[in-house]
């Protein structure tokens, strides 16, 4: 079913600061690596999709341990992505497309996540699905906005922005405007903690 903005905001607010920091630090890492390449006489990446992949990797390398260490967050790692279940809300990190929605290759798994009414395997049917979107400026020198976005296919349902002082839970509401791993077994949910804990069953 379609995600409710108030319920999602309540679930995600305690983690806004960490989400924002993972995006900003991941983007800063990519900027540093690009500067290093140039300092050694190498050309920058030729294709923007390569940049997007590098930034996505840098964000996920931070988000998996940082968010996964939280008591109410579970992480499902897959061959080419990771899904975060935060207080009962399923989330994915994505770069913003021209339509304001996350850029996706139309795999079956991606289409299931984008469809507001489709249930994700291993999760309760009432689980809300959202995208954590990062939007670069036109010349890719900084991240303009970090957004929480709910969609139904190619249609934007609603969005709100996580702002720079997100450590206080501050937000800006906005008007709506290797081979792939097909396994969706809930046993793939992990919590990268120092002390292993038994994963609670989905409710």
N, C-alpha and C. Protein backbone atom coordinates (compact mmCIF):
# COMPACT_ATOMS: atom_id res chain seq x y z
N UNK A 1 0.83 -1.19 0.00
CA UNK A 1 0.00 0.00 0.00
C UNK A 1 0.87 1.24 0.00
N UNK A 2 0.29 2.37 -0.42
CA UNK A 2 1.05 3.60 -0.54
C UNK A 2 1.56 4.05 0.83
N UNK A 3 2.78 4.58 0.84
CA UNK A 3 3.40 5.04 2.09
C UNK A 3 2.70 6.31 2.59
N UNK A 4 2.49 6.38 3.90
CA UNK A 4 1.92 7.57 4.54
C UNK A 4 3.06 8.47 4.99
N UNK A 5 3.03 9.72 4.58
CA UNK A 5 4.15 10.62 4.84
C UNK A 5 4.39 10.82 6.33
N UNK A 6 3.32 10.94 7.12
CA UNK A 6 3.49 11.17 8.55
C UNK A 6 4.10 9.96 9.25
N UNK A 7 3.64 8.75 8.87
CA UNK A 7 4.18 7.54 9.47
C UNK A 7 5.65 7.33 9.09
N UNK A 8 5.97 7.60 7.82
CA UNK A 8 7.35 7.46 7.37
C UNK A 8 8.25 8.47 8.07
N UNK A 9 7.79 9.70 8.16
CA UNK A 9 8.58 10.74 8.82
C UNK A 9 8.86 10.37 10.28
N UNK A 10 7.86 9.85 10.96
CA UNK A 10 8.04 9.46 12.35
C UNK A 10 9.07 8.34 12.48
N UNK A 11 9.03 7.38 11.56
CA UNK A 11 9.97 6.26 11.61
C UNK A 11 11.40 6.68 11.27
N UNK A 12 11.55 7.60 10.32
CA UNK A 12 12.88 7.95 9.83
C UNK A 12 13.55 9.10 10.58
N UNK A 13 12.77 9.94 11.25
CA UNK A 13 13.34 11.13 11.87
C UNK A 13 14.55 10.84 12.76
N UNK A 14 14.55 9.80 13.59
CA UNK A 14 15.74 9.55 14.42
C UNK A 14 17.01 9.24 13.62
N UNK A 15 16.85 8.91 12.34
CA UNK A 15 17.99 8.51 11.52
C UNK A 15 18.32 9.53 10.43
N UNK A 16 17.61 10.66 10.41
CA UNK A 16 17.86 11.67 9.37
C UNK A 16 19.32 12.11 9.34
N UNK A 17 19.90 12.35 10.51
CA UNK A 17 21.28 12.81 10.55
C UNK A 17 22.24 11.81 9.95
N UNK A 18 22.07 10.54 10.27
CA UNK A 18 22.95 9.49 9.75
C UNK A 18 22.76 9.31 8.25
N UNK A 19 21.51 9.35 7.79
CA UNK A 19 21.24 9.23 6.36
C UNK A 19 21.91 10.37 5.61
N UNK A 20 21.72 11.59 6.10
CA UNK A 20 22.30 12.77 5.45
C UNK A 20 23.83 12.67 5.42
N UNK A 21 24.43 12.27 6.53
CA UNK A 21 25.89 12.18 6.61
C UNK A 21 26.44 11.12 5.66
N UNK A 22 25.77 9.97 5.54
CA UNK A 22 26.23 8.92 4.64
C UNK A 22 26.26 9.42 3.20
N UNK A 23 25.23 10.16 2.81
CA UNK A 23 25.18 10.70 1.45
C UNK A 23 26.28 11.73 1.24
N UNK A 24 26.37 12.70 2.14
CA UNK A 24 27.35 13.78 1.98
C UNK A 24 28.79 13.25 2.03
N UNK A 25 29.07 12.34 2.94
CA UNK A 25 30.42 11.80 3.05
C UNK A 25 30.77 10.92 1.86
N UNK A 26 29.78 10.16 1.36
CA UNK A 26 30.02 9.34 0.17
C UNK A 26 30.32 10.20 -1.05
N UNK A 27 29.57 11.28 -1.20
CA UNK A 27 29.81 12.19 -2.33
C UNK A 27 31.17 12.85 -2.18
N UNK A 28 31.54 13.26 -0.96
CA UNK A 28 32.84 13.89 -0.73
C UNK A 28 33.98 12.92 -1.07
N UNK A 29 33.79 11.63 -0.76
CA UNK A 29 34.82 10.65 -1.11
C UNK A 29 35.01 10.60 -2.63
N UNK A 30 33.90 10.59 -3.35
CA UNK A 30 34.00 10.56 -4.82
C UNK A 30 34.71 11.81 -5.34
N UNK A 31 34.41 12.97 -4.77
CA UNK A 31 35.09 14.20 -5.18
C UNK A 31 36.60 14.09 -4.92
N UNK A 32 36.96 13.53 -3.79
CA UNK A 32 38.38 13.37 -3.47
C UNK A 32 39.08 12.43 -4.46
N UNK A 33 38.41 11.33 -4.80
CA UNK A 33 39.04 10.38 -5.74
C UNK A 33 39.17 10.99 -7.13
N UNK A 34 38.19 11.79 -7.53
CA UNK A 34 38.29 12.46 -8.83
C UNK A 34 39.45 13.45 -8.83
N UNK A 35 39.61 14.19 -7.73
CA UNK A 35 40.72 15.14 -7.64
C UNK A 35 42.06 14.41 -7.67
N UNK A 36 42.12 13.24 -7.03
CA UNK A 36 43.35 12.46 -7.03
C UNK A 36 43.68 11.98 -8.44
N UNK A 37 42.66 11.51 -9.16
CA UNK A 37 42.89 11.06 -10.54
C UNK A 37 43.48 12.19 -11.38
N UNK A 38 42.91 13.36 -11.25
CA UNK A 38 43.38 14.50 -12.04
C UNK A 38 44.80 14.89 -11.63
N UNK A 39 45.08 14.81 -10.31
CA UNK A 39 46.42 15.18 -9.83
C UNK A 39 47.49 14.24 -10.38
N UNK A 40 47.09 13.02 -10.74
CA UNK A 40 48.03 12.05 -11.31
C UNK A 40 48.03 12.07 -12.84
N UNK A 41 47.31 13.03 -13.41
CA UNK A 41 47.31 13.15 -14.86
C UNK A 41 46.29 12.29 -15.57
N UNK A 42 45.40 11.65 -14.81
CA UNK A 42 44.36 10.82 -15.42
C UNK A 42 43.12 11.66 -15.70
N UNK A 43 42.43 11.33 -16.74
CA UNK A 43 41.18 12.02 -17.08
C UNK A 43 40.10 11.61 -16.10
N UNK A 44 39.12 12.47 -15.86
CA UNK A 44 37.99 12.08 -15.02
C UNK A 44 37.15 11.01 -15.72
N UNK A 45 36.24 10.40 -14.98
CA UNK A 45 35.38 9.38 -15.57
C UNK A 45 34.68 9.92 -16.81
N UNK A 46 34.54 9.06 -17.81
CA UNK A 46 33.95 9.49 -19.07
C UNK A 46 32.42 9.58 -18.99
N UNK A 47 31.79 8.67 -18.26
CA UNK A 47 30.33 8.58 -18.26
C UNK A 47 29.75 8.93 -16.89
N UNK A 48 28.64 9.65 -16.89
CA UNK A 48 28.01 10.04 -15.63
C UNK A 48 27.51 8.82 -14.87
N UNK A 49 27.16 7.74 -15.57
CA UNK A 49 26.69 6.54 -14.87
C UNK A 49 27.81 5.92 -14.04
N UNK A 50 29.07 6.08 -14.51
CA UNK A 50 30.20 5.59 -13.72
C UNK A 50 30.32 6.40 -12.44
N UNK A 51 30.16 7.71 -12.54
CA UNK A 51 30.17 8.56 -11.35
C UNK A 51 29.06 8.15 -10.38
N UNK A 52 27.87 7.93 -10.91
CA UNK A 52 26.74 7.54 -10.06
C UNK A 52 27.02 6.24 -9.33
N UNK A 53 27.60 5.28 -10.04
CA UNK A 53 27.92 4.00 -9.41
C UNK A 53 28.98 4.15 -8.33
N UNK A 54 30.00 4.98 -8.59
CA UNK A 54 31.06 5.20 -7.60
C UNK A 54 30.49 5.86 -6.34
N UNK A 55 29.61 6.85 -6.53
CA UNK A 55 29.01 7.54 -5.39
C UNK A 55 28.08 6.60 -4.63
N UNK A 56 27.29 5.82 -5.36
CA UNK A 56 26.40 4.85 -4.72
C UNK A 56 27.20 3.89 -3.85
N UNK A 57 28.31 3.38 -4.38
CA UNK A 57 29.14 2.45 -3.63
C UNK A 57 29.68 3.11 -2.37
N UNK A 58 30.14 4.36 -2.47
CA UNK A 58 30.67 5.07 -1.32
C UNK A 58 29.60 5.32 -0.26
N UNK A 59 28.39 5.64 -0.70
CA UNK A 59 27.28 5.84 0.24
C UNK A 59 26.94 4.54 0.95
N UNK A 60 26.83 3.45 0.20
CA UNK A 60 26.44 2.17 0.79
C UNK A 60 27.51 1.63 1.73
N UNK A 61 28.79 1.87 1.43
CA UNK A 61 29.84 1.41 2.33
C UNK A 61 29.76 2.09 3.69
N UNK A 62 29.15 3.25 3.74
CA UNK A 62 28.91 3.93 5.01
C UNK A 62 27.57 3.51 5.63
N UNK A 63 26.54 3.48 4.80
CA UNK A 63 25.19 3.26 5.32
C UNK A 63 24.99 1.86 5.89
N UNK A 64 25.59 0.85 5.28
CA UNK A 64 25.38 -0.52 5.76
C UNK A 64 25.84 -0.68 7.21
N UNK A 65 27.08 -0.29 7.58
CA UNK A 65 27.46 -0.44 8.99
C UNK A 65 26.82 0.60 9.91
N UNK A 66 26.67 1.84 9.43
CA UNK A 66 26.16 2.91 10.30
C UNK A 66 24.69 2.69 10.64
N UNK A 67 23.86 2.48 9.63
CA UNK A 67 22.44 2.27 9.89
C UNK A 67 22.18 0.86 10.42
N UNK A 68 22.94 -0.11 9.92
CA UNK A 68 22.73 -1.48 10.37
C UNK A 68 23.04 -1.71 11.82
N UNK A 69 23.84 -0.82 12.42
CA UNK A 69 24.16 -0.94 13.85
C UNK A 69 23.04 -0.44 14.74
N UNK A 70 22.03 0.22 14.14
CA UNK A 70 20.90 0.73 14.92
C UNK A 70 19.94 -0.40 15.28
N UNK A 71 19.39 -0.32 16.49
CA UNK A 71 18.54 -1.40 17.01
C UNK A 71 17.32 -1.68 16.14
N UNK A 72 16.72 -0.63 15.56
CA UNK A 72 15.48 -0.80 14.80
C UNK A 72 15.69 -0.77 13.29
N UNK A 73 16.93 -0.99 12.86
CA UNK A 73 17.24 -1.00 11.43
C UNK A 73 17.81 -2.35 11.05
N UNK A 74 17.32 -2.90 9.94
CA UNK A 74 17.85 -4.14 9.39
C UNK A 74 18.26 -3.89 7.95
N UNK A 75 19.30 -4.59 7.53
CA UNK A 75 19.86 -4.40 6.20
C UNK A 75 19.80 -5.70 5.44
N UNK A 76 19.30 -5.63 4.21
CA UNK A 76 19.33 -6.79 3.32
C UNK A 76 20.28 -6.47 2.18
N UNK A 77 21.42 -7.14 2.16
CA UNK A 77 22.39 -6.91 1.09
C UNK A 77 22.09 -7.86 -0.07
N UNK A 78 22.22 -7.34 -1.28
CA UNK A 78 22.01 -8.11 -2.49
C UNK A 78 23.22 -7.96 -3.38
N UNK A 79 23.19 -8.57 -4.54
CA UNK A 79 24.36 -8.60 -5.40
C UNK A 79 24.80 -7.19 -5.82
N UNK A 80 23.82 -6.31 -6.09
CA UNK A 80 24.17 -5.00 -6.61
C UNK A 80 23.55 -3.84 -5.84
N UNK A 81 22.92 -4.13 -4.72
CA UNK A 81 22.28 -3.07 -3.95
C UNK A 81 22.10 -3.53 -2.51
N UNK A 82 21.45 -2.70 -1.73
CA UNK A 82 21.08 -3.06 -0.36
C UNK A 82 19.76 -2.39 -0.03
N UNK A 83 18.96 -3.06 0.75
CA UNK A 83 17.68 -2.52 1.20
C UNK A 83 17.75 -2.34 2.71
N UNK A 84 17.23 -1.22 3.18
CA UNK A 84 17.23 -0.89 4.60
C UNK A 84 15.78 -0.90 5.10
N UNK A 85 15.54 -1.63 6.18
CA UNK A 85 14.22 -1.62 6.81
C UNK A 85 14.37 -0.84 8.10
N UNK A 86 13.82 0.38 8.10
CA UNK A 86 14.01 1.34 9.19
C UNK A 86 12.68 1.56 9.90
N UNK A 87 12.56 1.02 11.09
CA UNK A 87 11.32 1.19 11.83
C UNK A 87 10.10 0.74 11.05
N UNK A 88 10.23 -0.33 10.27
CA UNK A 88 9.11 -0.84 9.49
C UNK A 88 8.96 -0.21 8.12
N UNK A 89 9.89 0.66 7.72
CA UNK A 89 9.86 1.30 6.41
C UNK A 89 11.02 0.76 5.57
N UNK A 90 10.73 0.25 4.37
CA UNK A 90 11.77 -0.25 3.47
C UNK A 90 12.30 0.90 2.64
N UNK A 91 13.63 1.05 2.59
CA UNK A 91 14.24 2.18 1.91
C UNK A 91 15.42 1.74 1.05
N UNK A 92 15.64 2.50 -0.03
CA UNK A 92 16.80 2.30 -0.89
C UNK A 92 17.42 3.66 -1.19
N UNK A 93 18.75 3.71 -1.30
CA UNK A 93 19.43 4.93 -1.71
C UNK A 93 19.46 4.97 -3.24
N UNK A 94 19.14 6.15 -3.81
CA UNK A 94 19.12 6.32 -5.26
C UNK A 94 19.55 7.72 -5.64
N UNK A 95 20.15 7.85 -6.82
CA UNK A 95 20.40 9.17 -7.40
C UNK A 95 19.11 9.68 -8.01
N UNK A 96 18.87 10.99 -7.89
CA UNK A 96 17.68 11.59 -8.48
C UNK A 96 17.78 11.62 -10.00
N UNK A 97 16.67 11.27 -10.65
CA UNK A 97 16.59 11.43 -12.10
C UNK A 97 15.98 12.78 -12.44
N UNK A 98 15.82 13.05 -13.72
CA UNK A 98 15.23 14.32 -14.15
C UNK A 98 13.79 14.47 -13.68
N UNK A 99 13.12 13.35 -13.41
CA UNK A 99 11.73 13.40 -12.96
C UNK A 99 11.61 13.52 -11.44
N UNK A 100 12.75 13.63 -10.74
CA UNK A 100 12.72 13.75 -9.29
C UNK A 100 12.61 12.42 -8.57
N UNK A 101 12.52 11.33 -9.32
CA UNK A 101 12.45 9.99 -8.74
C UNK A 101 13.81 9.33 -8.86
N UNK A 102 13.98 8.22 -8.14
CA UNK A 102 15.24 7.50 -8.21
C UNK A 102 15.46 6.85 -9.55
N UNK A 103 16.70 6.87 -10.03
CA UNK A 103 17.05 6.20 -11.29
C UNK A 103 17.10 4.70 -11.05
N UNK A 104 16.46 3.94 -11.91
CA UNK A 104 16.39 2.50 -11.75
C UNK A 104 16.55 1.78 -13.07
N UNK A 105 17.26 0.67 -13.06
CA UNK A 105 17.21 -0.27 -14.17
C UNK A 105 15.96 -1.11 -13.94
N UNK A 106 15.07 -1.25 -14.93
CA UNK A 106 13.77 -1.89 -14.70
C UNK A 106 13.82 -3.41 -14.54
N UNK A 107 14.49 -3.87 -13.48
CA UNK A 107 14.47 -5.30 -13.16
C UNK A 107 13.16 -5.63 -12.44
N UNK A 108 12.87 -6.90 -12.30
CA UNK A 108 11.65 -7.30 -11.59
C UNK A 108 11.67 -6.81 -10.14
N UNK A 109 12.84 -6.89 -9.50
CA UNK A 109 12.96 -6.45 -8.10
C UNK A 109 12.73 -4.94 -7.99
N UNK A 110 13.30 -4.19 -8.94
CA UNK A 110 13.13 -2.73 -8.92
C UNK A 110 11.68 -2.35 -9.15
N UNK A 111 11.02 -3.02 -10.08
CA UNK A 111 9.62 -2.71 -10.39
C UNK A 111 8.72 -3.04 -9.20
N UNK A 112 9.04 -4.11 -8.48
CA UNK A 112 8.26 -4.45 -7.29
C UNK A 112 8.40 -3.38 -6.23
N UNK A 113 9.61 -2.83 -6.09
CA UNK A 113 9.82 -1.79 -5.10
C UNK A 113 9.13 -0.50 -5.50
N UNK A 114 9.09 -0.18 -6.78
CA UNK A 114 8.51 1.06 -7.25
C UNK A 114 6.97 1.05 -7.22
N UNK A 115 6.37 -0.13 -7.29
CA UNK A 115 4.92 -0.25 -7.28
C UNK A 115 4.42 -0.14 -5.84
N UNK A 116 3.65 0.90 -5.56
CA UNK A 116 3.23 1.18 -4.18
C UNK A 116 2.39 0.05 -3.59
N UNK A 117 1.68 -0.70 -4.42
CA UNK A 117 0.75 -1.71 -3.90
C UNK A 117 1.33 -3.12 -3.86
N UNK A 118 2.54 -3.30 -4.35
CA UNK A 118 3.13 -4.64 -4.34
C UNK A 118 3.88 -4.89 -3.04
N UNK A 119 3.69 -6.08 -2.49
CA UNK A 119 4.35 -6.47 -1.25
C UNK A 119 5.73 -7.02 -1.56
N UNK A 120 6.71 -6.63 -0.77
CA UNK A 120 8.05 -7.15 -0.94
C UNK A 120 8.16 -8.51 -0.25
N UNK A 121 8.73 -9.50 -0.90
CA UNK A 121 8.88 -10.82 -0.29
C UNK A 121 9.64 -10.74 1.03
N UNK A 122 9.12 -11.45 2.03
CA UNK A 122 9.78 -11.49 3.33
C UNK A 122 9.41 -10.36 4.26
N UNK A 123 8.56 -9.41 3.79
CA UNK A 123 8.15 -8.28 4.62
C UNK A 123 6.62 -8.22 4.70
N UNK A 124 6.09 -7.69 5.79
CA UNK A 124 4.62 -7.59 5.92
C UNK A 124 4.04 -6.72 4.81
N UNK A 125 2.79 -6.97 4.40
CA UNK A 125 2.18 -6.20 3.30
C UNK A 125 2.02 -4.72 3.61
N UNK A 126 1.98 -4.36 4.89
CA UNK A 126 1.81 -2.95 5.25
C UNK A 126 3.12 -2.18 5.24
N UNK A 127 4.25 -2.83 4.92
CA UNK A 127 5.54 -2.15 4.91
C UNK A 127 5.57 -1.04 3.86
N UNK A 128 5.85 0.18 4.29
CA UNK A 128 5.97 1.30 3.36
C UNK A 128 7.30 1.21 2.62
N UNK A 129 7.32 1.68 1.37
CA UNK A 129 8.53 1.66 0.55
C UNK A 129 8.86 3.09 0.13
N UNK A 130 10.09 3.50 0.39
CA UNK A 130 10.51 4.85 0.02
C UNK A 130 11.92 4.82 -0.56
N UNK A 131 12.27 5.90 -1.25
CA UNK A 131 13.62 6.06 -1.76
C UNK A 131 14.31 7.20 -1.04
N UNK A 132 15.58 7.01 -0.72
CA UNK A 132 16.42 8.05 -0.14
C UNK A 132 17.26 8.60 -1.30
N UNK A 133 16.87 9.78 -1.77
CA UNK A 133 17.37 10.32 -3.03
C UNK A 133 18.44 11.38 -2.78
N UNK A 134 19.53 11.30 -3.53
CA UNK A 134 20.51 12.38 -3.52
C UNK A 134 20.49 13.05 -4.89
N UNK A 135 20.51 14.37 -4.85
CA UNK A 135 20.37 15.17 -6.07
C UNK A 135 21.60 16.07 -6.22
N UNK A 136 22.47 15.80 -7.21
CA UNK A 136 23.65 16.65 -7.39
C UNK A 136 23.30 17.94 -8.12
N UNK A 137 24.17 18.94 -8.00
CA UNK A 137 23.96 20.13 -8.80
C UNK A 137 24.36 19.85 -10.25
N UNK A 138 24.18 20.83 -11.13
CA UNK A 138 24.37 20.61 -12.56
C UNK A 138 25.80 20.24 -12.92
N UNK A 139 26.77 20.71 -12.13
CA UNK A 139 28.18 20.43 -12.46
C UNK A 139 28.81 19.42 -11.50
N UNK A 140 28.00 18.75 -10.71
CA UNK A 140 28.45 17.66 -9.86
C UNK A 140 29.55 18.09 -8.89
N UNK A 141 29.40 19.28 -8.32
CA UNK A 141 30.38 19.72 -7.32
C UNK A 141 29.84 19.55 -5.90
N UNK A 142 28.54 19.34 -5.76
CA UNK A 142 27.96 19.14 -4.43
C UNK A 142 26.60 18.48 -4.56
N UNK A 143 26.11 17.95 -3.45
CA UNK A 143 24.75 17.43 -3.39
C UNK A 143 23.82 18.58 -3.03
N UNK A 144 22.87 18.86 -3.89
CA UNK A 144 21.93 19.95 -3.65
C UNK A 144 20.92 19.59 -2.56
N UNK A 145 20.37 18.37 -2.65
CA UNK A 145 19.32 17.98 -1.70
C UNK A 145 19.39 16.48 -1.44
N UNK A 146 18.98 16.11 -0.22
CA UNK A 146 18.74 14.71 0.13
C UNK A 146 17.25 14.62 0.44
N UNK A 147 16.56 13.73 -0.26
CA UNK A 147 15.10 13.67 -0.19
C UNK A 147 14.62 12.29 0.23
N UNK A 148 13.49 12.27 0.91
CA UNK A 148 12.72 11.05 1.14
C UNK A 148 11.56 11.10 0.16
N UNK A 149 11.46 10.09 -0.69
CA UNK A 149 10.50 10.11 -1.79
C UNK A 149 9.64 8.85 -1.77
N UNK A 150 8.34 9.04 -1.92
CA UNK A 150 7.41 7.92 -2.12
C UNK A 150 6.90 7.98 -3.55
N UNK A 151 6.86 6.84 -4.19
CA UNK A 151 6.45 6.80 -5.59
C UNK A 151 5.47 5.66 -5.82
N UNK A 152 4.78 5.73 -6.94
CA UNK A 152 3.98 4.61 -7.43
C UNK A 152 4.31 4.47 -8.91
N UNK A 153 5.19 3.56 -9.21
CA UNK A 153 5.69 3.44 -10.58
C UNK A 153 6.48 4.69 -10.94
N UNK A 154 6.04 5.36 -12.02
CA UNK A 154 6.71 6.58 -12.47
C UNK A 154 6.05 7.84 -11.92
N UNK A 155 5.18 7.70 -10.94
CA UNK A 155 4.46 8.85 -10.40
C UNK A 155 4.95 9.18 -9.00
N UNK A 156 5.28 10.46 -8.78
CA UNK A 156 5.67 10.93 -7.45
C UNK A 156 4.43 11.09 -6.58
N UNK A 157 4.44 10.43 -5.40
CA UNK A 157 3.33 10.56 -4.46
C UNK A 157 3.56 11.73 -3.51
N UNK A 158 4.76 11.79 -2.92
CA UNK A 158 5.14 12.89 -2.04
C UNK A 158 6.64 12.84 -1.80
N UNK A 159 7.16 13.93 -1.25
CA UNK A 159 8.58 13.97 -0.91
C UNK A 159 8.79 14.98 0.21
N UNK A 160 9.85 14.79 0.95
CA UNK A 160 10.31 15.83 1.87
C UNK A 160 11.83 15.81 1.90
N UNK A 161 12.42 16.92 2.27
CA UNK A 161 13.86 17.07 2.24
C UNK A 161 14.47 16.91 3.63
N UNK A 162 15.55 16.16 3.70
CA UNK A 162 16.36 16.10 4.92
C UNK A 162 17.43 17.18 4.78
N UNK A 163 17.43 18.15 5.69
CA UNK A 163 18.33 19.30 5.55
C UNK A 163 19.65 19.08 6.28
N UNK A 164 20.55 20.05 6.13
CA UNK A 164 21.93 19.89 6.60
C UNK A 164 22.02 19.67 8.10
N UNK A 165 21.14 20.31 8.89
CA UNK A 165 21.19 20.13 10.34
C UNK A 165 20.28 18.99 10.76
N UNK A 166 20.35 17.90 9.96
CA UNK A 166 19.45 16.77 10.18
C UNK A 166 19.72 16.04 11.49
N UNK A 167 20.82 16.35 12.15
CA UNK A 167 21.08 15.73 13.43
C UNK A 167 20.00 16.04 14.44
N UNK A 168 19.28 17.13 14.23
CA UNK A 168 18.16 17.49 15.10
C UNK A 168 16.84 17.00 14.54
N UNK A 169 16.90 16.21 13.47
CA UNK A 169 15.68 15.70 12.87
C UNK A 169 14.96 16.73 12.03
N UNK A 170 15.64 17.82 11.64
CA UNK A 170 14.99 18.87 10.88
C UNK A 170 14.71 18.42 9.46
N UNK A 171 13.55 18.79 8.95
CA UNK A 171 13.16 18.44 7.59
C UNK A 171 12.45 19.60 6.94
N UNK A 172 12.42 19.59 5.63
CA UNK A 172 11.66 20.57 4.88
C UNK A 172 10.61 19.83 4.08
N UNK A 173 9.31 19.94 4.42
CA UNK A 173 8.28 19.23 3.66
C UNK A 173 8.09 19.86 2.30
N UNK A 174 7.86 19.04 1.28
CA UNK A 174 7.64 19.52 -0.07
C UNK A 174 6.33 18.94 -0.58
N UNK A 175 5.69 19.68 -1.46
CA UNK A 175 4.41 19.22 -2.00
C UNK A 175 4.65 18.05 -2.94
N UNK A 176 3.67 17.15 -3.08
CA UNK A 176 3.86 16.04 -4.01
C UNK A 176 4.10 16.54 -5.43
N UNK A 177 4.41 16.64 -5.92
CA UNK A 177 4.63 16.92 -7.32
C UNK A 177 4.95 15.48 -7.97
N UNK A 178 28.02 -8.77 -10.95
CA UNK A 178 27.87 -10.21 -10.86
C UNK A 178 26.46 -10.53 -11.17
N UNK A 179 25.94 -11.63 -11.43
CA UNK A 179 24.57 -11.78 -11.79
C UNK A 179 23.73 -11.29 -10.65
N UNK A 180 22.60 -10.78 -11.02
CA UNK A 180 21.72 -10.27 -10.00
C UNK A 180 21.22 -11.39 -9.10
N UNK A 181 21.23 -11.12 -7.81
CA UNK A 181 20.75 -12.10 -6.83
C UNK A 181 19.25 -11.95 -6.71
N UNK A 182 18.50 -12.94 -7.16
CA UNK A 182 17.05 -12.87 -7.14
C UNK A 182 16.46 -13.31 -5.82
N UNK A 183 17.30 -13.74 -4.88
CA UNK A 183 16.79 -14.22 -3.61
C UNK A 183 16.16 -13.10 -2.81
N UNK A 184 14.94 -13.33 -2.32
CA UNK A 184 14.26 -12.35 -1.47
C UNK A 184 13.96 -12.93 -0.11
N UNK A 185 14.74 -13.96 0.27
CA UNK A 185 14.54 -14.58 1.56
C UNK A 185 14.86 -13.59 2.67
N UNK A 186 13.93 -13.45 3.62
CA UNK A 186 14.13 -12.49 4.72
C UNK A 186 15.33 -12.86 5.57
N UNK A 187 15.87 -14.09 5.41
CA UNK A 187 17.04 -14.47 6.19
C UNK A 187 18.27 -13.69 5.77
N UNK A 188 18.20 -12.97 4.62
CA UNK A 188 19.33 -12.16 4.19
C UNK A 188 19.46 -10.87 4.98
N UNK A 189 18.47 -10.55 5.82
CA UNK A 189 18.56 -9.35 6.63
C UNK A 189 19.71 -9.51 7.61
N UNK A 190 20.58 -8.50 7.65
CA UNK A 190 21.74 -8.57 8.55
C UNK A 190 21.79 -7.32 9.39
N UNK A 191 22.46 -7.44 10.52
CA UNK A 191 22.74 -6.29 11.37
C UNK A 191 24.23 -6.30 11.67
N UNK A 192 25.00 -5.44 11.01
CA UNK A 192 26.45 -5.45 11.23
C UNK A 192 26.83 -4.84 12.56
N UNK A 193 26.68 -5.61 13.63
CA UNK A 193 27.02 -5.15 14.98
C UNK A 193 28.25 -5.89 15.47
N UNK A 194 28.87 -5.32 16.47
CA UNK A 194 30.03 -5.97 17.08
C UNK A 194 29.58 -7.24 17.77
N UNK A 195 28.50 -7.15 18.56
CA UNK A 195 27.95 -8.31 19.23
C UNK A 195 26.78 -8.85 18.42
N UNK A 196 26.86 -10.11 17.94
CA UNK A 196 25.75 -10.65 17.15
C UNK A 196 24.48 -10.75 17.97
N UNK A 197 23.38 -10.46 17.33
CA UNK A 197 22.08 -10.56 17.98
C UNK A 197 21.15 -11.39 17.11
N UNK A 198 20.18 -12.01 17.73
CA UNK A 198 19.20 -12.79 16.99
C UNK A 198 18.25 -11.84 16.30
N UNK A 199 18.07 -11.99 15.00
CA UNK A 199 17.18 -11.13 14.25
C UNK A 199 15.73 -11.41 14.62
N UNK A 200 14.97 -10.42 15.04
CA UNK A 200 13.57 -10.65 15.34
C UNK A 200 12.78 -10.92 14.08
N UNK A 201 11.74 -11.69 14.20
CA UNK A 201 10.90 -11.99 13.05
C UNK A 201 10.13 -10.75 12.64
N UNK A 202 9.86 -10.63 11.30
CA UNK A 202 9.07 -9.47 10.84
C UNK A 202 7.68 -9.53 11.40
N UNK A 203 7.18 -8.36 11.79
CA UNK A 203 5.84 -8.29 12.35
C UNK A 203 4.89 -7.67 11.35
